[in-house]
Protein backbone atom coordinates (compact mmCIF):
# COMPACT_ATOMS: atom_id res chain seq x y z
CA MET A 1 23.98 -3.47 -22.35
CA THR A 2 27.19 -1.72 -21.41
CA VAL A 3 27.60 -0.66 -17.65
CA PRO A 4 30.81 0.07 -16.32
CA THR A 5 31.78 -1.74 -12.86
CA THR A 6 32.57 0.63 -10.06
CA GLY A 7 34.32 0.39 -6.80
CA ARG A 8 32.18 -0.45 -4.16
CA ASP A 9 33.38 2.33 -1.64
CA GLY A 10 30.19 5.28 -1.72
CA THR A 11 28.34 3.19 -4.09
CA ALA A 12 24.84 1.86 -3.26
CA VAL A 13 22.38 -0.35 -5.68
CA VAL A 14 18.91 -0.17 -5.09
CA ILE A 15 16.65 -3.25 -6.50
CA GLY A 16 13.26 -1.68 -7.40
CA ALA A 17 12.23 1.44 -9.06
CA GLY A 18 8.78 1.58 -6.96
CA ILE A 19 7.84 4.08 -4.41
CA ALA A 20 9.77 1.91 -1.64
CA GLY A 21 13.06 1.64 -3.90
CA LEU A 22 12.89 5.41 -4.93
CA LEU A 23 12.44 7.06 -1.61
CA ALA A 24 15.20 4.32 -0.41
CA ALA A 25 17.71 6.12 -3.10
CA ARG A 26 16.51 9.32 -2.12
CA VAL A 27 18.14 8.73 1.38
CA LEU A 28 21.03 7.07 0.41
CA ALA A 29 22.26 9.87 -2.09
CA GLU A 30 22.68 12.04 1.12
CA SER A 31 24.98 9.38 2.72
CA VAL A 32 26.72 7.74 -0.38
CA GLY A 33 28.63 9.22 -3.26
CA ARG A 34 26.47 7.36 -5.93
CA VAL A 35 23.20 5.43 -6.05
CA VAL A 36 21.92 3.10 -8.61
CA VAL A 37 18.34 1.81 -9.41
CA LEU A 38 18.04 -1.12 -11.45
CA ASP A 39 14.30 -1.99 -12.30
CA ARG A 40 13.22 -4.62 -14.81
CA ASP A 41 10.60 -2.27 -16.32
CA THR A 42 10.70 0.58 -18.80
CA LEU A 43 9.69 3.11 -16.91
CA PRO A 44 7.46 5.19 -18.76
CA GLU A 45 7.62 9.16 -19.01
CA ASP A 46 3.82 9.62 -18.89
CA ALA A 47 1.76 8.91 -15.83
CA VAL A 48 0.36 5.21 -16.75
CA PRO A 49 0.46 2.12 -14.91
CA ARG A 50 3.87 0.39 -15.90
CA GLY A 51 4.18 -3.86 -16.10
CA GLY A 52 6.22 -4.10 -12.82
CA ALA A 53 3.76 -2.66 -10.90
CA PRO A 54 0.29 -4.12 -12.03
CA GLN A 55 -1.92 -2.75 -8.92
CA SER A 56 -0.76 0.51 -10.14
CA ALA A 57 -4.01 0.71 -12.67
CA HIS A 58 -6.00 0.09 -9.44
CA ALA A 59 -7.17 3.01 -6.77
CA HIS A 60 -4.64 3.83 -4.08
CA ALA A 61 -4.80 5.77 -0.92
CA LEU A 62 -2.29 8.25 0.43
CA LEU A 63 -2.47 8.08 3.94
CA SER A 64 -2.27 11.15 5.91
CA ARG A 65 0.61 10.26 7.77
CA GLY A 66 2.49 9.65 4.58
CA LEU A 67 1.65 12.43 2.99
CA ARG A 68 3.70 14.27 5.63
CA ALA A 69 6.51 12.00 5.18
CA LEU A 70 6.50 12.35 1.57
CA GLU A 71 6.86 15.96 2.29
CA GLU A 72 9.45 15.52 4.84
CA LEU A 73 11.39 13.49 2.12
CA LEU A 74 10.64 15.32 -1.05
CA PRO A 75 9.74 19.06 0.10
CA GLY A 76 7.12 20.51 -2.25
CA LEU A 77 5.63 17.69 -3.73
CA THR A 78 2.46 18.24 -2.54
CA ALA A 79 2.48 21.22 -4.38
CA GLU A 80 3.42 19.83 -7.37
CA LEU A 81 1.01 16.70 -7.43
CA GLU A 82 -1.66 19.59 -6.70
CA ALA A 83 -0.48 21.74 -9.94
CA HIS A 84 -1.00 18.03 -11.91
CA GLY A 85 -4.59 18.05 -10.94
CA ALA A 86 -4.28 15.97 -7.53
CA LEU A 87 -7.29 16.85 -5.07
CA PRO A 88 -6.61 17.43 -1.62
CA GLY A 89 -8.99 16.93 1.61
CA ASP A 90 -10.19 15.70 4.78
CA PRO A 91 -10.43 12.13 5.02
CA GLN A 92 -13.26 12.18 6.95
CA GLU A 93 -15.23 15.13 5.54
CA VAL A 94 -14.33 14.48 1.69
CA PHE A 95 -15.39 11.03 1.97
CA ARG A 96 -18.27 8.81 2.02
CA TRP A 97 -17.45 5.59 4.03
CA ILE A 98 -19.65 2.82 4.53
CA THR A 99 -19.09 0.20 7.21
CA ASP A 100 -20.90 -2.46 8.22
CA GLY A 101 -23.68 -1.43 6.27
CA ARG A 102 -23.95 1.79 8.07
CA SER A 103 -22.72 5.46 6.70
CA MET A 104 -20.05 6.97 8.66
CA THR A 105 -21.36 11.02 10.39
CA PRO A 106 -19.59 13.28 8.16
CA GLY A 107 -16.90 15.62 10.34
CA ARG A 108 -13.48 17.24 10.27
CA SER A 109 -10.45 15.27 11.61
CA GLY A 110 -8.04 17.90 10.96
CA LEU A 111 -5.79 15.97 9.02
CA ARG A 112 -5.01 16.13 5.07
CA THR A 113 -4.70 13.37 2.53
CA LEU A 114 -4.55 14.14 -1.66
CA MET A 115 -6.24 12.01 -4.27
CA VAL A 116 -3.94 11.48 -6.68
CA SER A 117 -2.96 8.29 -8.94
CA ARG A 118 -0.32 5.65 -8.35
CA PRO A 119 1.22 6.31 -11.63
CA LEU A 120 1.23 10.13 -11.21
CA LEU A 121 2.54 9.95 -7.92
CA GLU A 122 5.44 7.54 -8.58
CA ARG A 123 6.26 9.72 -11.62
CA GLU A 124 6.92 12.74 -10.13
CA VAL A 125 8.52 10.77 -6.76
CA ARG A 126 10.78 9.13 -9.38
CA ARG A 127 11.41 12.56 -11.61
CA ARG A 128 12.18 14.51 -7.84
CA VAL A 129 14.45 11.65 -7.16
CA LEU A 130 16.76 11.16 -10.53
CA ALA A 131 16.80 15.26 -10.24
CA ASP A 132 19.88 14.67 -8.30
CA PRO A 133 22.71 13.68 -10.02
CA ARG A 134 24.32 11.21 -7.36
CA THR A 135 21.46 9.15 -8.62
CA SER A 136 20.76 7.17 -11.61
CA VAL A 137 18.52 4.22 -12.98
CA GLN A 138 19.13 1.35 -15.28
CA GLU A 139 16.02 0.18 -17.04
CA ARG A 140 15.05 -3.32 -18.41
CA VAL A 141 17.55 -5.03 -15.48
CA ASP A 142 16.63 -8.49 -14.24
CA VAL A 143 18.93 -8.98 -10.86
CA ARG A 144 20.07 -12.48 -10.32
CA ALA A 145 22.58 -12.79 -7.32
CA LEU A 146 24.46 -11.28 -5.08
CA LEU A 147 27.97 -10.76 -4.91
CA HIS A 148 30.08 -11.46 -2.04
CA ASP A 149 33.63 -11.43 -0.74
CA GLY A 150 33.04 -15.26 1.32
CA SER A 151 33.33 -13.78 4.57
CA GLY A 152 29.66 -13.15 5.11
CA ARG A 153 29.68 -9.42 3.42
CA VAL A 154 27.63 -8.28 -0.10
CA THR A 155 29.72 -6.39 -2.48
CA GLY A 156 27.06 -6.01 -4.72
CA VAL A 157 24.79 -7.57 -7.68
CA THR A 158 24.77 -9.48 -10.98
CA ALA A 159 21.86 -8.94 -13.08
CA VAL A 160 20.98 -9.92 -17.06
CA ASP A 161 19.90 -7.28 -19.77
CA ARG A 162 15.81 -8.39 -19.99
CA ASP A 163 16.23 -7.49 -23.87
CA ASP A 164 19.37 -9.47 -24.26
CA PRO A 165 18.85 -12.59 -21.89
CA THR A 166 21.81 -14.49 -23.73
CA ASP A 167 24.19 -11.92 -22.88
CA GLU A 168 26.85 -12.67 -20.13
CA PRO A 169 25.44 -11.38 -16.21
CA ARG A 170 27.06 -8.02 -15.70
CA ARG A 171 27.99 -6.71 -12.27
CA TRP A 172 27.55 -3.62 -10.20
CA ASP A 173 29.79 -3.33 -7.14
CA ALA A 174 28.49 -1.47 -4.31
CA GLY A 175 29.33 -1.09 -0.72
CA LEU A 176 25.53 -1.32 0.26
CA VAL A 177 22.75 -3.27 -1.41
CA VAL A 178 18.57 -2.82 -0.62
CA ASP A 179 16.43 -4.71 -1.79
CA ALA A 180 13.02 -2.96 -2.94
CA SER A 181 11.83 -5.39 -5.48
CA GLY A 182 8.28 -5.76 -3.71
CA ARG A 183 6.69 -9.20 -3.03
CA ARG A 184 8.46 -11.26 -5.34
CA SER A 185 11.51 -10.40 -3.63
CA ARG A 186 14.42 -13.35 -3.90
CA ALA A 187 16.24 -11.94 -0.43
CA SER A 188 15.34 -14.83 1.30
CA ALA A 189 16.33 -17.20 -1.19
CA TRP A 190 19.90 -15.18 -1.50
CA LEU A 191 20.45 -15.47 2.19
CA SER A 192 20.36 -19.22 2.15
CA GLU A 193 22.77 -19.11 -0.74
CA LEU A 194 24.94 -17.46 1.04
CA GLY A 195 25.17 -19.50 4.26
CA PHE A 196 22.53 -17.61 6.53
CA ALA A 197 18.88 -18.43 7.53
CA PRO A 198 15.89 -16.80 6.10
CA PRO A 199 13.54 -14.56 8.01
CA GLY A 200 10.44 -16.44 9.49
CA GLU A 201 7.42 -15.52 7.56
CA GLU A 202 4.05 -14.83 8.86
CA ARG A 203 1.08 -14.96 5.72
CA VAL A 204 -2.69 -14.18 6.38
CA GLN A 205 -4.64 -15.64 3.22
CA VAL A 206 -7.09 -13.08 1.74
CA ASP A 207 -7.33 -14.19 -1.86
CA LEU A 208 -8.07 -10.99 -2.74
CA THR A 209 -9.22 -9.75 -6.52
CA TYR A 210 -9.28 -6.31 -7.90
CA ALA A 211 -11.34 -5.11 -10.66
CA THR A 212 -11.10 -1.50 -11.52
CA ARG A 213 -12.74 0.84 -14.15
CA GLN A 214 -12.25 4.47 -14.83
CA TYR A 215 -15.38 7.08 -15.53
CA ARG A 216 -15.81 10.54 -16.26
CA ARG A 217 -16.22 12.35 -12.79
CA ASP A 218 -18.48 14.97 -12.33
CA PRO A 219 -17.78 17.27 -9.73
CA ALA A 220 -21.34 17.17 -8.54
CA ASP A 221 -20.96 13.34 -8.27
CA VAL A 222 -22.10 11.93 -4.46
CA ASP A 223 -22.46 15.77 -3.41
CA GLY A 224 -19.23 16.81 -4.11
CA ALA A 225 -17.44 14.16 -2.47
CA LEU A 226 -13.72 12.97 -3.27
CA GLY A 227 -14.28 9.19 -2.49
CA VAL A 228 -16.65 6.82 -1.75
CA VAL A 229 -15.77 3.46 0.30
CA VAL A 230 -17.77 0.54 1.01
CA ASN A 231 -15.86 -1.72 3.18
CA ALA A 232 -16.41 -5.41 3.64
CA SER A 233 -17.85 -6.81 6.53
CA PRO A 234 -18.82 -9.70 8.56
CA ASP A 235 -22.04 -9.92 6.28
CA THR A 236 -20.67 -9.88 3.18
CA GLN A 237 -16.47 -10.27 1.67
CA ARG A 238 -17.46 -7.78 -0.92
CA GLY A 239 -16.28 -4.12 -1.11
CA GLY A 240 -15.29 -1.44 -3.21
CA GLY A 241 -13.96 2.25 -3.32
CA LEU A 242 -14.62 5.16 -5.65
CA PHE A 243 -11.43 7.56 -5.83
CA ALA A 244 -11.70 10.77 -7.44
CA GLN A 245 -8.22 11.37 -9.64
CA GLU A 246 -6.50 13.69 -11.24
CA GLY A 247 -7.85 14.48 -14.72
CA ASP A 248 -11.66 14.45 -13.62
CA ARG A 249 -11.72 11.06 -13.25
CA TRP A 250 -12.99 8.47 -10.98
CA VAL A 251 -11.59 5.11 -10.42
CA CYS A 252 -13.56 2.45 -9.10
CA THR A 253 -12.02 -0.70 -7.82
CA LEU A 254 -14.39 -3.56 -6.75
CA ALA A 255 -12.64 -6.18 -4.43
CA GLY A 256 -13.68 -9.55 -3.90
CA LEU A 257 -12.17 -11.84 -1.08
CA PHE A 258 -11.43 -15.56 -0.31
CA GLY A 259 -12.20 -16.30 -3.91
CA ASP A 260 -15.03 -14.41 -4.89
CA ARG A 261 -13.69 -12.48 -8.34
CA PRO A 262 -15.39 -9.54 -9.43
CA PRO A 263 -16.24 -9.90 -12.98
CA ILE A 264 -14.18 -7.63 -15.96
CA ASP A 265 -17.24 -7.61 -18.49
CA PRO A 266 -18.93 -3.90 -18.38
CA ASP A 267 -21.94 -5.56 -17.72
CA GLY A 268 -20.61 -7.95 -15.03
CA PHE A 269 -18.73 -5.07 -13.18
CA GLU A 270 -21.46 -3.15 -12.75
CA ALA A 271 -23.84 -5.93 -11.87
CA TYR A 272 -20.89 -6.65 -9.16
CA ALA A 273 -20.94 -2.83 -7.56
CA ALA A 274 -24.97 -3.49 -7.25
CA THR A 275 -24.41 -6.66 -4.57
CA LEU A 276 -22.08 -4.26 -2.43
CA CYS A 277 -24.46 -3.17 1.00
CA SER A 278 -24.52 0.15 -0.59
CA PRO A 279 -26.15 1.50 -3.70
CA LEU A 280 -23.69 4.68 -4.15
CA LEU A 281 -20.82 3.00 -5.86
CA HIS A 282 -23.49 1.69 -8.91
CA ASP A 283 -25.56 4.97 -8.59
CA VAL A 284 -22.39 6.54 -10.00
CA ILE A 285 -20.91 4.74 -12.24
CA THR A 286 -23.53 3.57 -14.36
CA SER A 287 -24.39 7.33 -14.77
CA SER A 288 -20.70 7.95 -15.73
CA VAL A 289 -19.25 7.84 -19.08
CA PRO A 290 -16.49 4.99 -19.03
CA LEU A 291 -13.03 5.91 -20.01
CA ASP A 292 -11.20 2.23 -20.07
CA GLU A 293 -12.26 -1.35 -20.15
CA PRO A 294 -12.42 -3.26 -16.55
CA ARG A 295 -9.09 -4.91 -15.19
CA ARG A 296 -8.08 -7.17 -12.83
CA PHE A 297 -5.36 -7.70 -10.14
CA ARG A 298 -5.22 -10.64 -7.66
CA PHE A 299 -3.51 -10.38 -4.03
CA PRO A 300 -3.25 -14.01 -2.43
CA ALA A 301 -2.03 -13.41 0.71
CA SER A 302 -0.42 -10.54 3.24
CA VAL A 303 3.20 -11.57 3.99
CA ARG A 304 5.40 -10.45 6.83
CA ARG A 305 8.89 -11.59 6.63
CA ARG A 306 10.73 -11.13 10.21
CA TYR A 307 14.23 -9.82 9.11
CA GLU A 308 14.38 -8.03 12.55
CA ARG A 309 14.57 -11.80 14.33
CA LEU A 310 17.52 -12.61 12.18
CA ALA A 311 20.29 -13.65 14.60
CA ARG A 312 22.74 -13.13 11.86
CA SER A 313 22.56 -11.36 8.26
CA PRO A 314 25.40 -10.56 5.39
CA ARG A 315 26.40 -7.08 5.86
CA GLY A 316 26.00 -4.81 3.06
CA LEU A 317 22.44 -5.73 2.38
CA LEU A 318 19.06 -3.86 3.38
CA VAL A 319 15.18 -5.19 2.64
CA ILE A 320 12.84 -2.77 2.32
CA GLY A 321 8.94 -1.95 1.59
CA ASP A 322 7.11 -5.16 0.33
CA ALA A 323 10.04 -7.11 0.41
CA VAL A 324 9.77 -6.91 4.16
CA CYS A 325 5.83 -6.81 4.47
CA SER A 326 3.06 -6.65 1.87
CA PHE A 327 -0.34 -5.38 3.26
CA ASP A 328 -3.62 -6.46 1.84
CA PRO A 329 -3.90 -3.22 -0.29
CA VAL A 330 -7.41 -3.00 0.45
CA TYR A 331 -6.17 -1.10 3.37
CA GLY A 332 -4.29 1.41 1.56
CA GLN A 333 -1.13 1.28 3.82
CA GLY A 334 1.41 0.05 1.74
CA MET A 335 2.64 3.54 0.08
CA THR A 336 2.83 5.41 3.17
CA VAL A 337 4.93 2.51 5.27
CA ALA A 338 7.73 2.38 2.28
CA ALA A 339 7.59 6.32 3.11
CA LEU A 340 8.26 6.01 6.76
CA GLU A 341 10.71 3.07 6.23
CA ALA A 342 12.64 5.50 4.27
CA LEU A 343 12.70 8.05 7.27
CA VAL A 344 13.91 4.99 9.31
CA LEU A 345 16.39 4.33 6.79
CA GLY A 346 17.53 8.06 6.73
CA ASP A 347 17.88 7.92 10.28
CA VAL A 348 20.03 4.59 10.63
CA LEU A 349 22.57 5.79 7.92
CA ARG A 350 22.96 9.07 9.91
CA ARG A 351 24.47 7.07 12.35
CA GLY A 352 26.98 5.51 10.36
CA VAL A 353 26.86 3.68 6.90
CA ASP A 354 29.24 0.80 7.43
CA ARG A 355 28.38 -0.19 11.03
CA PRO A 356 28.40 -4.07 11.21
CA SER A 357 24.95 -3.71 12.96
CA LEU A 358 23.14 -1.45 10.28
CA ALA A 359 20.85 -4.16 8.96
CA GLN A 360 19.57 -5.34 12.24
CA ASP A 361 19.37 -1.29 13.59
CA PHE A 362 17.41 -0.65 10.35
CA TRP A 363 14.92 -3.98 10.32
CA ARG A 364 14.21 -3.48 14.29
CA ASP A 365 13.17 0.12 13.73
CA CYS A 366 11.23 -0.81 10.82
CA ALA A 367 9.41 -3.32 12.93
CA SER A 368 8.13 -0.87 15.18
CA VAL A 369 6.71 0.89 11.70
CA VAL A 370 4.62 -2.16 10.42
CA ASP A 371 3.53 -3.44 13.85
CA VAL A 372 0.48 -1.01 13.51
CA PRO A 373 -0.65 -1.24 10.24
CA TRP A 374 0.11 -5.20 10.25
CA GLN A 375 -2.29 -5.65 12.97
CA MET A 376 -4.73 -3.22 11.60
CA SER A 377 -4.68 -5.42 8.45
CA ILE A 378 -4.83 -8.83 9.81
CA GLY A 379 -7.40 -7.54 12.41
CA GLY A 380 -9.82 -6.54 9.51
CA THR A 381 -9.11 -9.77 7.49
CA THR A 382 -9.72 -12.23 10.58
CA ARG A 383 -13.46 -10.86 11.38
CA LEU A 384 -14.60 -11.45 7.64
CA PRO A 385 -16.49 -14.44 6.86
CA GLY A 386 -14.39 -16.32 4.39
CA TYR A 387 -11.58 -16.29 6.70
CA ARG A 388 -10.12 -20.28 7.91
CA GLY A 389 -7.17 -19.23 9.79
CA ARG A 390 -6.49 -19.83 13.24
CA VAL A 391 -8.03 -16.66 15.55
CA ASP A 392 -6.86 -16.44 18.85
CA ARG A 393 -8.96 -15.14 21.65
CA ARG A 394 -7.20 -11.76 21.97
CA THR A 395 -8.09 -11.12 18.34
CA ARG A 396 -11.53 -12.28 19.02
CA MET A 397 -11.99 -9.45 21.77
CA VAL A 398 -9.99 -7.03 19.89
CA ASN A 399 -12.48 -7.51 16.73
CA ALA A 400 -15.69 -7.73 18.82
CA TYR A 401 -14.60 -4.21 20.15
CA MET A 402 -14.12 -3.00 16.66
CA ALA A 403 -17.40 -4.19 15.14
CA THR A 404 -18.85 -2.03 18.39
CA LEU A 405 -17.04 0.82 17.65
CA GLN A 406 -17.64 0.91 13.58
CA ARG A 407 -21.62 0.53 14.45
CA SER A 408 -20.95 3.81 17.04
CA MET A 409 -19.03 5.69 14.33
CA ALA A 410 -22.48 6.18 12.50
CA VAL A 411 -23.83 7.97 15.38
CA ASP A 412 -20.90 9.81 16.89
CA PRO A 413 -18.51 12.05 14.65
CA ALA A 414 -16.29 12.19 17.39
CA ILE A 415 -15.78 8.43 17.43
CA ARG A 416 -15.39 8.36 13.97
CA THR A 417 -12.27 11.21 14.01
CA ALA A 418 -10.49 9.03 16.42
CA PHE A 419 -10.63 6.04 14.35
CA VAL A 420 -9.50 7.95 11.06
CA ARG A 421 -6.60 9.49 13.20
CA VAL A 422 -5.83 5.51 14.19
CA ALA A 423 -6.51 4.48 10.45
CA GLN A 424 -4.85 7.20 8.91
CA LEU A 425 -1.40 6.17 11.00
CA GLU A 426 -1.60 9.55 12.95
CA ALA A 427 -2.23 8.32 16.39
CA PRO A 428 -1.32 4.76 17.99
CA PRO A 429 -4.61 2.38 18.43
CA SER A 430 -4.39 2.55 21.98
CA THR A 431 -6.42 6.04 21.66
CA LEU A 432 -9.51 3.86 20.70
CA LEU A 433 -9.31 2.31 24.40
CA SER A 434 -9.36 5.31 25.74
CA PRO A 435 -11.66 6.16 28.75
CA SER A 436 -13.23 9.52 26.52
CA VAL A 437 -13.75 7.23 23.59
CA LEU A 438 -14.57 4.12 25.56
CA ALA A 439 -17.59 6.48 27.19
CA ARG A 440 -18.69 7.74 23.64
CA VAL A 441 -18.80 4.13 22.06
CA VAL A 442 -20.96 2.89 25.63
CA ARG A 443 -23.27 5.98 24.76
CA ALA A 444 -23.58 5.61 21.31
CA SER A 445 -24.13 1.73 21.25
CA ARG A 446 -27.33 2.71 23.32
CA ARG A 447 -28.65 5.19 20.63
CA PRO A 448 -30.89 3.90 17.38
CA ARG A 449 -28.70 3.70 14.69
CA GLY A 450 -29.81 4.50 10.54
CA ASP A 451 -28.70 2.43 8.22
CA VAL A 452 -27.71 2.69 4.64
CA PRO A 453 -30.01 1.01 1.84
CA GLY A 454 -29.03 -2.53 1.37
CA PRO A 455 -27.52 -3.86 -2.32
CA ARG A 456 -30.23 -3.52 -5.16
CA ALA A 457 -29.73 -6.32 -8.12
CA PRO A 458 -30.06 -5.56 -11.03
CA ALA A 459 -33.40 -6.63 -13.00
CA GLY A 460 -32.98 -10.12 -13.85
CA ALA A 461 -29.79 -10.75 -11.94
CA ARG A 462 -29.62 -14.23 -9.77
CA PRO A 463 -28.88 -13.09 -6.10
CA SER A 464 -25.47 -13.82 -4.94
CA PRO A 465 -25.35 -16.33 -2.35
CA THR A 466 -21.62 -14.48 -1.27
CA ALA A 467 -23.73 -11.10 -1.11
CA ALA A 468 -26.46 -13.03 0.89
CA GLY A 469 -23.92 -13.84 3.71
């Protein structure tokens, strides 16, 4: 591997070519002369999953706020994705939502989302970012350590060629290093090696397992809906999603929490779908043509690293994306938060690239982006039956109210709209406690509710103790 060593002035190195790393490179290019993105993978030219992002083969959601952020960062991206077959729609109108065993009322939220596969989205973002001549990517590179000047300043990275790991490590000098390497980030260990305290961690164990299979999609399926979501609930720790994708495809992801593992043999996959609290997913996949074999992905825990609380950190190092906070993927927040963090990064860089407080300013501002989705994610987890961690009194009170609110969404579309706006990160959670919403929740809770049909086990199948709750 021949890599020129460049002066650090005016150069930034980004570790990781996922969504967070690419969007970081996009905003860095406006503030520095050169951006080099280093990634361990071979980055595919086609819209296919890649080894370094095993979750990319599974169902993904791009929230309304994330779509707006991407359009701000890369104007025209939405139209380009639609030209490749991505499907737009109002998330309340085009989705069938089953929460706590009840079908949510349809309606219009006034928001816009986009049904697009993660591989297509990543490919198009990468194409747009690398079209900037100031930005380049180096594939098949494994970053091993940070370079530093001995006075608490990071000056680049050392890395090895994955195709020739016996070769001497090479160096990339840089004035700024951005770690966007994801959940397996080594930044905490690197800080310790440089004599800095690593960030504190908050961890919420979910032991989530995904199983996913693609099917041929008929536009008439589910009365023309673009998706079905069957949420896990206090009665079951199983859920699933059916999302329309480009190319007339469904991607069906089944999710088991706290050690419940959806099977990846075709018969077992269908049988598991039949145990969900709604038959909708099972009905679609058993009447559709499968396009591949089921595959699996495991996610042990949601992890938040509290970089914003560090008293000291080296100059020249930033950490972004899943390397800061890795969310339970069931809530579809990761890509949206990465885009919002990139906007924060752009704002911070415009105040001065070489400021001593750059990292602290960035992490502090990012914390306000992360706070809401983090609380939503862990709140949803702590109300499920398999959760064994500590739940404080405030969380129990919030969870009780959310259970009442979600039951009310089955009969009042206005409550559903208020919730959708929060879930899509377009409104703060406090709006769900506004007098108008509270009054509607009280009224709706007094009305009879129509439950959706319960799970239907295939003939001869043994009932699942987990599904039975």
